[in-house]
């Protein structure tokens, strides 16, 4: 059988495509928000309930999805969740009120909760430790590509037909990807088209806990008792409201703050997501560079990326100091780059400190912390945006990210990723850096 050179990069491309379509379905409602407000008579606060419904269901399902993925495996588990989110997204077209939209979007959020844990699990299976941040950067870029595609695609669907058509199109695309995933994805040990050389490179470069499917697995309670978990979960809790705001509120922000119409939203709302793409990719390459330049270990290199992103988030935090919509868009571009760079580092840390049997569960639990904050902040935006404007809320997001950088330096220990030590005394032995 003919071997495919560099097959791991094809696998991460498939993961990236899934993330693209997941975030396309997620951002469809944000781009359609002005039309939904007009045609279904939805208030800003009711719109925040729709966003919060998605976030709340995503939040609750994060650890559940991670646990299911660890049981079913990456291939079958991810496909099941993708089929569900495709169906629920298409069903959003049946909604006739903000309540119906909230139910439909909640269902989509519950199914899409598997997206990041599955992507991280696939990355940990297909990449050696030194390349994993690059792989995560590439699949994480799908989140901003999906958000970038959404404005022109959704506006086009609305203009030629209706807002309902936008949800049908994105649902059909996601279902098609789920079929591709089932057909093409395999673990490296089962992939016959993978060369022996590349298989040895992948498995030989992985930490011990990713090389073998050993029976030792930390329980959810043991993970929660671990200091390393909180060193990742708390910064994600503080950082995620920014990404939730960027995804759900930028089109409405442009509409309300600067009077942009639907065509202008289509022209400009994708730009911060383009820079978010750059943040994903560049942020993935920075850890190995920081290791080489500063002589630090893997964990410290991730911390440096998080810190850099947090300071760059000061840019969108100053939006209120300017009156030009174009300056605002430029600052949002800085914010998109900053958040996705630091987000990729935070997500990758779960695979640095947790083993193969618990990495999706641990990532799902840190994701639950992140999305709890995103849900709560969506409600805050809905309650305050019409009263005080968006600018103070962007300033708060910058403060949150700076606090997250402080937490990661004070809570997360600089441990090598051999095995995680349970702070309560249960677990494996970890090498100290």
Protein backbone atom coordinates (compact mmCIF):
# COMPACT_ATOMS: atom_id res chain seq x y z
CA UNK A 1 0.00 0.00 0.00
CA UNK A 2 1.27 3.46 -0.95
CA UNK A 3 2.39 5.49 2.06
CA UNK A 4 1.49 9.18 2.39
CA UNK A 5 4.35 11.43 3.47
CA UNK A 6 3.55 13.87 6.27
CA UNK A 7 0.17 12.24 6.94
CA UNK A 8 -0.08 13.88 10.38
CA UNK A 9 -0.54 17.25 8.67
CA UNK A 10 -3.43 15.90 6.60
CA UNK A 11 -5.04 14.67 9.82
CA UNK A 12 -4.73 18.06 11.50
CA UNK A 13 -6.15 19.66 8.34
CA UNK A 14 -9.22 17.43 8.74
CA UNK A 15 -9.52 18.49 12.38
CA UNK A 16 -9.17 22.13 11.33
CA UNK A 17 -11.96 21.81 8.79
CA UNK A 18 -14.24 20.46 11.52
CA UNK A 19 -13.41 23.45 13.72
CA UNK A 20 -14.09 25.80 10.80
CA UNK A 21 -17.57 24.38 10.33
CA UNK A 22 -18.26 24.23 14.06
CA UNK A 23 -17.51 27.92 14.45
CA UNK A 24 -19.35 28.75 11.24
CA UNK A 25 -22.52 27.23 12.72
CA UNK A 26 -21.81 29.02 16.01
CA UNK A 27 -21.33 32.47 14.43
CA UNK A 28 -24.30 32.27 12.09
CA UNK A 29 -26.62 33.63 14.77
CA UNK A 30 -24.27 36.55 15.54
CA UNK A 31 -24.20 37.76 11.93
CA UNK A 32 -27.95 37.29 11.59
CA UNK A 33 -28.60 39.16 14.87
CA UNK A 34 -29.69 42.51 13.35
CA UNK A 35 -32.09 40.70 11.00
CA UNK A 36 -33.40 38.49 13.81
CA UNK A 37 -33.99 41.53 16.00
CA UNK A 38 -35.98 43.20 13.25
CA UNK A 39 -38.01 40.24 11.96
CA UNK A 40 -38.63 38.40 15.24
CA UNK A 41 -38.76 41.55 17.41
CA UNK A 42 -35.93 40.41 19.67
CA UNK A 43 -34.43 42.85 22.19
CA UNK A 44 -30.71 43.06 23.00
CA UNK A 45 -31.33 41.38 26.35
CA UNK A 46 -33.31 38.57 24.71
CA UNK A 47 -30.49 38.13 22.24
CA UNK A 48 -28.13 37.74 25.21
CA UNK A 49 -30.38 34.92 26.47
CA UNK A 50 -29.93 33.13 23.13
CA UNK A 51 -26.15 33.48 23.40
CA UNK A 52 -26.22 32.43 27.05
CA UNK A 53 -28.29 29.34 26.19
CA UNK A 54 -25.62 28.22 23.73
CA UNK A 55 -22.84 28.98 26.22
CA UNK A 56 -24.58 27.33 29.18
CA UNK A 57 -25.21 24.08 27.32
CA UNK A 58 -21.67 24.13 25.92
CA UNK A 59 -20.41 24.69 29.47
CA UNK A 60 -22.33 21.82 31.05
CA UNK A 61 -21.43 19.42 28.25
CA UNK A 62 -17.67 20.17 28.13
CA UNK A 63 -16.61 17.62 30.76
CA UNK A 64 -19.31 15.18 29.62
CA UNK A 65 -18.14 15.40 26.01
CA UNK A 66 -14.52 14.96 27.08
CA UNK A 67 -15.41 11.88 29.12
CA UNK A 68 -17.40 10.37 26.23
CA UNK A 69 -14.51 11.02 23.83
CA UNK A 70 -12.10 9.24 26.18
CA UNK A 71 -14.48 6.25 26.25
CA UNK A 72 -15.58 6.06 22.59
CA UNK A 73 -12.30 7.25 21.11
CA UNK A 74 -11.59 10.23 18.92
CA UNK A 75 -12.98 8.83 15.65
CA UNK A 76 -16.45 7.66 16.72
CA UNK A 77 -16.94 10.14 19.54
CA UNK A 78 -16.26 13.24 17.46
CA UNK A 79 -18.41 12.00 14.57
CA UNK A 80 -21.42 11.46 16.84
CA UNK A 81 -21.22 14.97 18.26
CA UNK A 82 -20.67 16.53 14.81
CA UNK A 83 -23.77 14.84 13.39
CA UNK A 84 -25.84 16.17 16.28
CA UNK A 85 -24.62 19.75 15.92
CA UNK A 86 -25.27 19.66 12.17
CA UNK A 87 -28.86 18.51 12.69
CA UNK A 88 -29.53 21.00 15.49
CA UNK A 89 -28.07 23.87 13.46
CA UNK A 90 -30.35 23.12 10.51
CA UNK A 91 -33.30 22.84 12.91
CA UNK A 92 -32.65 26.42 14.08
CA UNK A 93 -34.44 27.52 10.90
CA UNK A 94 -37.69 26.29 12.46
CA UNK A 95 -37.53 28.78 15.34
CA UNK A 96 -40.07 31.60 15.34
CA UNK A 97 -39.17 33.46 18.54
CA UNK A 98 -36.23 34.21 20.79
CA UNK A 99 -37.27 31.26 22.97
CA UNK A 100 -37.18 28.87 20.03
CA UNK A 101 -33.80 30.22 18.98
CA UNK A 102 -32.50 29.77 22.53
CA UNK A 103 -33.59 26.12 22.61
CA UNK A 104 -32.08 25.39 19.20
CA UNK A 105 -28.82 27.17 19.95
CA UNK A 106 -28.59 25.45 23.32
CA UNK A 107 -28.79 22.10 21.54
CA UNK A 108 -26.06 23.18 19.10
CA UNK A 109 -23.88 24.30 22.00
CA UNK A 110 -24.27 20.97 23.79
CA UNK A 111 -23.15 19.06 20.69
CA UNK A 112 -20.28 21.42 19.82
CA UNK A 113 -18.83 21.01 23.31
CA UNK A 114 -16.82 18.07 21.93
CA UNK A 115 -15.04 20.19 19.31
CA UNK A 116 -12.00 21.45 21.25
CA UNK A 117 -11.48 18.33 23.44
CA UNK A 118 -11.65 16.18 20.29
CA UNK A 119 -9.21 18.41 18.44
CA UNK A 120 -6.78 18.32 21.34
CA UNK A 121 -7.13 14.54 21.68
CA UNK A 122 -6.44 14.09 17.95
CA UNK A 123 -3.40 16.38 18.24
CA UNK A 124 -2.05 14.39 21.17
CA UNK A 125 -2.47 11.18 19.13
CA UNK A 126 -0.90 12.44 15.91
CA UNK A 127 1.91 14.77 17.02
CA UNK A 128 5.05 14.56 19.13
CA UNK A 129 5.21 16.94 22.10
CA UNK A 130 7.52 19.42 20.36
CA UNK A 131 5.05 19.93 17.49
CA UNK A 132 1.82 19.79 19.46
CA UNK A 133 1.46 23.54 20.02
CA UNK A 134 1.84 24.02 16.25
CA UNK A 135 -0.84 21.39 15.60
CA UNK A 136 -3.18 22.98 18.15
CA UNK A 137 -2.51 26.37 16.59
CA UNK A 138 -3.55 25.05 13.18
CA UNK A 139 -6.75 23.36 14.34
CA UNK A 140 -7.59 26.33 16.58
CA UNK A 141 -7.25 28.59 13.54
CA UNK A 142 -10.43 26.92 12.34
CA UNK A 143 -12.38 28.78 15.01
CA UNK A 144 -11.49 32.15 13.57
CA UNK A 145 -11.73 30.98 9.95
CA UNK A 146 -15.28 29.84 10.66
CA UNK A 147 -16.06 33.17 12.28
CA UNK A 148 -14.42 34.96 9.34
CA UNK A 149 -16.47 33.06 6.74
CA UNK A 150 -19.73 33.62 8.60
CA UNK A 151 -20.36 37.33 7.81
CA UNK A 152 -20.22 37.13 3.98
CA UNK A 153 -21.88 33.69 3.81
CA UNK A 154 -24.74 34.50 6.20
CA UNK A 155 -25.39 37.92 4.70
CA UNK A 156 -25.42 36.34 1.22
CA UNK A 157 -27.93 33.70 2.37
CA UNK A 158 -30.15 36.36 3.96
CA UNK A 159 -30.06 38.59 0.90
CA UNK A 160 -30.84 35.86 -1.63
CA UNK A 161 -33.37 34.00 0.50
CA UNK A 162 -33.76 34.34 4.29
CA UNK A 163 -32.05 34.01 7.65
CA UNK A 164 -33.44 30.49 7.87
CA UNK A 165 -31.45 29.48 4.78
CA UNK A 166 -28.21 30.49 6.51
CA UNK A 167 -28.76 27.90 9.24
CA UNK A 168 -29.72 25.19 6.76
CA UNK A 169 -26.57 25.75 4.68
CA UNK A 170 -24.22 25.63 7.66
CA UNK A 171 -25.95 22.52 9.03
CA UNK A 172 -25.59 20.66 5.74
CA UNK A 173 -21.90 21.55 5.49
CA UNK A 174 -21.24 20.26 9.00
CA UNK A 175 -23.03 16.98 8.29
CA UNK A 176 -20.87 16.47 5.21
CA UNK A 177 -17.74 16.94 7.29
CA UNK A 178 -18.90 14.37 9.85
CA UNK A 179 -19.09 11.79 7.07
CA UNK A 180 -15.55 12.68 5.93
CA UNK A 181 -14.28 12.31 9.49
CA UNK A 182 -15.78 8.84 9.89
CA UNK A 183 -14.26 7.72 6.61
CA UNK A 184 -10.73 9.15 6.93
CA UNK A 185 -9.73 9.47 10.59
CA UNK A 186 -7.74 6.68 12.26
CA UNK A 187 -5.29 6.50 15.15
CA UNK A 188 -1.63 6.44 13.95
CA UNK A 189 -1.26 2.84 15.14
CA UNK A 190 -4.17 1.80 12.89
CA UNK A 191 -3.41 3.98 9.86
CA UNK A 192 -1.95 1.72 7.14
CA UNK A 193 -1.01 4.65 4.89
CA UNK A 194 1.30 6.07 7.58
CA UNK A 195 4.97 5.31 6.98
CA UNK A 196 6.89 3.43 9.68
CA UNK A 197 9.33 6.32 9.86
CA UNK A 198 6.62 8.90 10.57
CA UNK A 199 4.84 6.59 13.03
CA UNK A 200 8.06 6.15 14.98
CA UNK A 201 8.65 9.92 14.87
CA UNK A 202 5.17 10.63 16.25
CA UNK A 203 5.07 7.98 18.97
CA UNK A 204 8.74 8.30 19.90
CA UNK A 205 8.35 12.04 20.42
CA UNK A 206 5.35 11.77 22.71
CA UNK A 207 5.40 11.83 26.48
CA UNK A 208 5.08 8.45 28.20
CA UNK A 209 1.42 8.97 29.06
CA UNK A 210 0.55 9.46 25.36
CA UNK A 211 2.59 6.55 24.04
CA UNK A 212 0.71 3.82 25.86
CA UNK A 213 -2.90 3.20 26.67
CA UNK A 214 -2.09 2.31 30.29
CA UNK A 215 -4.87 1.52 32.69
CA UNK A 216 -3.95 4.27 35.16
CA UNK A 217 -6.45 7.05 34.69
CA UNK A 218 -7.12 9.99 36.97
CA UNK A 219 -10.75 10.34 37.99
CA UNK A 220 -12.58 13.63 37.59
CA UNK A 221 -12.26 14.16 41.35
CA UNK A 222 -8.49 13.56 41.23
CA UNK A 223 -8.17 16.05 38.37
CA UNK A 224 -10.17 18.64 40.33
CA UNK A 225 -7.93 18.18 43.36
CA UNK A 226 -4.86 18.92 41.29
CA UNK A 227 -3.17 22.30 41.40
CA UNK A 228 -2.08 22.01 37.77
CA UNK A 229 -5.73 21.76 36.71
CA UNK A 230 -6.57 25.06 38.39
CA UNK A 231 -3.46 26.65 36.91
CA UNK A 232 -5.11 26.10 33.50
CA UNK A 233 -8.80 26.35 34.41
CA UNK A 234 -8.66 29.75 36.14
CA UNK A 235 -6.84 31.55 33.29
CA UNK A 236 -9.30 29.99 30.83
CA UNK A 237 -12.17 31.22 33.03
CA UNK A 238 -10.77 34.76 32.82
CA UNK A 239 -9.88 34.65 29.11
CA UNK A 240 -12.94 33.06 27.49
CA UNK A 241 -15.38 36.00 27.93
CA UNK A 242 -13.28 37.91 25.39
CA UNK A 243 -13.65 35.25 22.70
CA UNK A 244 -17.33 34.81 23.48
CA UNK A 245 -17.82 38.56 23.06
CA UNK A 246 -15.85 38.66 19.81
CA UNK A 247 -17.88 35.82 18.34
CA UNK A 248 -21.35 36.83 19.50
CA UNK A 249 -21.34 40.60 19.73
CA UNK A 250 -19.06 42.26 17.13
CA UNK A 251 -21.76 42.48 14.39
CA UNK A 252 -24.28 43.93 16.87
CA UNK A 253 -21.59 46.24 18.28
CA UNK A 254 -20.94 47.61 14.79
CA UNK A 255 -24.67 47.97 14.20
CA UNK A 256 -25.43 49.78 17.45
CA UNK A 257 -22.26 51.79 18.03
CA UNK A 258 -21.54 52.90 14.46
CA UNK A 259 -24.78 52.32 12.56
CA UNK A 260 -23.30 49.73 10.20
CA UNK A 261 -25.83 48.12 7.86
CA UNK A 262 -25.85 44.45 6.85
CA UNK A 263 -23.51 44.97 3.88
CA UNK A 264 -21.02 46.95 5.99
CA UNK A 265 -21.08 44.21 8.63
CA UNK A 266 -20.29 41.68 5.89
CA UNK A 267 -17.40 43.90 4.76
CA UNK A 268 -15.75 44.43 8.15
CA UNK A 269 -16.90 41.87 10.76
CA UNK A 270 -14.58 39.17 9.38
CA UNK A 271 -11.38 41.24 9.82
CA UNK A 272 -10.76 40.59 13.54
CA UNK A 273 -11.15 36.89 12.78
CA UNK A 274 -8.47 37.06 10.09
CA UNK A 275 -6.05 38.38 12.70
CA UNK A 276 -7.30 35.71 15.09
CA UNK A 277 -6.17 33.18 12.45
CA UNK A 278 -2.70 34.71 12.57
CA UNK A 279 -2.75 34.52 16.36
CA UNK A 280 -3.53 30.80 16.22
CA UNK A 281 -0.71 30.01 13.82
CA UNK A 282 1.97 32.36 15.17
CA UNK A 283 1.01 31.48 18.74
CA UNK A 284 1.59 27.82 17.90
CA UNK A 285 5.12 28.47 16.65
CA UNK A 286 6.13 30.74 19.55
CA UNK A 287 6.61 28.11 22.34
CA UNK A 288 9.44 26.22 20.58
CA UNK A 289 11.00 29.56 19.65
CA UNK A 290 10.81 30.78 23.25
CA UNK A 291 12.40 27.51 24.37
CA UNK A 292 15.28 28.07 21.98
CA UNK A 293 15.71 31.81 22.66
CA UNK A 294 15.30 31.86 26.43
CA UNK A 295 16.29 28.32 27.40
CA UNK A 296 13.00 27.66 29.19
CA UNK A 297 11.03 24.42 29.38
CA UNK A 298 7.77 23.57 27.61
CA UNK A 299 5.42 24.83 30.35
CA UNK A 300 7.21 28.16 30.76
CA UNK A 301 7.17 28.73 27.00
CA UNK A 302 3.37 28.38 27.03
CA UNK A 303 3.16 30.84 29.94
CA UNK A 304 5.13 33.40 27.95
CA UNK A 305 2.65 33.15 25.06
CA UNK A 306 -0.29 33.65 27.45
CA UNK A 307 1.42 36.69 28.96
CA UNK A 308 2.14 38.25 25.57
CA UNK A 309 -1.49 37.79 24.52
CA UNK A 310 -2.78 39.26 27.77
CA UNK A 311 -0.79 42.47 27.31
CA UNK A 312 -1.93 42.80 23.69
CA UNK A 313 -5.54 42.58 24.90
CA UNK A 314 -5.05 46.08 26.32
CA UNK A 315 -5.59 47.27 22.72
CA UNK A 316 -9.32 46.43 22.42
CA UNK A 317 -9.68 47.51 26.05
CA UNK A 318 -9.04 51.10 24.92
CA UNK A 319 -11.78 51.18 22.24
CA UNK A 320 -13.72 53.74 24.28
CA UNK A 321 -10.92 56.30 23.82
CA UNK A 322 -11.56 56.53 20.06
CA UNK A 323 -14.55 57.61 17.97
CA UNK A 324 -13.55 56.18 14.58
CA UNK A 325 -15.16 52.85 13.67
CA UNK A 326 -12.05 51.95 11.68
CA UNK A 327 -9.81 52.41 14.73
CA UNK A 328 -12.25 50.22 16.65
CA UNK A 329 -12.01 47.50 14.00
CA UNK A 330 -8.19 47.75 14.06
CA UNK A 331 -8.15 47.34 17.85
CA UNK A 332 -10.51 44.38 17.59
CA UNK A 333 -8.03 42.87 15.11
CA UNK A 334 -5.30 43.20 17.75
CA UNK A 335 -7.64 41.56 20.24
CA UNK A 336 -8.44 38.69 17.88
CA UNK A 337 -4.73 37.99 17.40
CA UNK A 338 -4.00 38.27 21.13
CA UNK A 339 -6.80 36.05 22.35
CA UNK A 340 -6.23 33.20 19.91
CA UNK A 341 -2.50 33.17 20.61
CA UNK A 342 -3.03 32.86 24.36
CA UNK A 343 -6.02 30.53 23.95
CA UNK A 344 -4.00 28.02 21.93
CA UNK A 345 -1.32 27.95 24.63
CA UNK A 346 -3.90 27.39 27.37
CA UNK A 347 -5.62 24.60 25.46
CA UNK A 348 -2.33 22.85 24.69
CA UNK A 349 -1.32 22.89 28.35
CA UNK A 350 -3.93 20.22 29.09
CA UNK A 351 -2.06 17.76 26.89
CA UNK A 352 1.25 18.84 28.43
CA UNK A 353 0.24 17.88 31.96
CA UNK A 354 -2.45 15.20 31.53
CA UNK A 355 -2.16 11.70 30.07
CA UNK A 356 -3.75 10.05 27.06
CA UNK A 357 -6.57 8.50 29.08
CA UNK A 358 -7.69 11.73 30.72
CA UNK A 359 -6.62 14.54 28.37
CA UNK A 360 -10.07 15.04 26.83
CA UNK A 361 -11.74 14.85 30.23
CA UNK A 362 -9.32 17.38 31.71
CA UNK A 363 -9.67 19.69 28.72
CA UNK A 364 -13.44 19.40 28.91
CA UNK A 365 -13.34 20.42 32.57
CA UNK A 366 -11.09 23.43 31.93
CA UNK A 367 -13.42 24.25 29.04
CA UNK A 368 -16.36 24.11 31.44
CA UNK A 369 -14.65 26.72 33.59
CA UNK A 370 -14.02 28.88 30.53
CA UNK A 371 -17.56 28.68 29.23
CA UNK A 372 -19.10 29.34 32.61
CA UNK A 373 -17.44 32.74 32.49
CA UNK A 374 -18.45 33.26 28.85
CA UNK A 375 -22.09 32.49 29.69
CA UNK A 376 -22.17 34.88 32.61
CA UNK A 377 -20.48 37.66 30.66
CA UNK A 378 -22.94 37.29 27.77
CA UNK A 379 -25.73 38.04 30.24
CA UNK A 380 -23.81 41.04 31.56
CA UNK A 381 -23.37 42.39 28.02
CA UNK A 382 -27.08 41.90 27.31
CA UNK A 383 -28.07 43.76 30.47
CA UNK A 384 -25.60 46.65 30.17
CA UNK A 385 -24.74 47.22 26.48
CA UNK A 386 -27.76 49.43 25.76
CA UNK A 387 -27.25 51.35 29.03
CA UNK A 388 -23.51 52.02 29.23
CA UNK A 389 -22.33 51.00 25.75
CA UNK A 390 -19.81 48.36 24.75
CA UNK A 391 -16.58 50.28 25.49
CA UNK A 392 -16.45 49.71 29.29
CA UNK A 393 -17.13 46.03 28.71
CA UNK A 394 -14.14 45.72 26.36
CA UNK A 395 -12.00 47.38 29.06
CA UNK A 396 -13.13 44.77 31.59
CA UNK A 397 -12.10 41.99 29.20
CA UNK A 398 -8.55 43.38 29.07
CA UNK A 399 -8.36 43.37 32.88
CA UNK A 400 -9.58 39.76 32.97
CA UNK A 401 -6.80 38.60 30.63
CA UNK A 402 -4.10 40.38 32.64
CA UNK A 403 -5.39 38.69 35.80
CA UNK A 404 -5.31 35.36 33.94
CA UNK A 405 -1.63 35.88 33.11
CA UNK A 406 -0.91 36.59 36.78
CA UNK A 407 -2.72 33.41 37.83
CA UNK A 408 -0.88 31.15 35.41
CA UNK A 409 2.50 32.29 36.75
CA UNK A 410 1.49 31.88 40.39
CA UNK A 411 -0.60 28.67 40.30
CA UNK A 412 0.70 26.45 37.46
CA UNK A 413 3.95 24.70 38.37
CA UNK A 414 6.71 24.36 35.80
CA UNK A 415 6.48 20.58 35.55
CA UNK A 416 7.61 18.48 32.62
CA UNK A 417 4.84 16.51 30.95
CA UNK A 418 5.74 12.95 31.83
CA UNK A 419 2.90 12.22 34.21
CA UNK A 420 0.77 14.40 36.41
CA UNK A 421 1.14 14.22 40.17
CA UNK A 422 -2.11 14.32 42.05
CA UNK A 423 -1.71 17.03 44.66
CA UNK A 424 -3.72 14.90 47.05
CA UNK A 425 -1.12 12.15 46.76
CA UNK A 426 -2.72 9.97 44.06
CA UNK A 427 -1.23 9.56 40.60
CA UNK A 428 2.05 8.98 38.83
CA UNK A 429 5.49 10.45 39.19
CA UNK A 430 6.29 13.74 37.48
CA UNK A 431 9.68 15.06 36.57
CA UNK A 432 10.44 18.48 37.94
CA UNK A 433 11.75 21.09 35.58
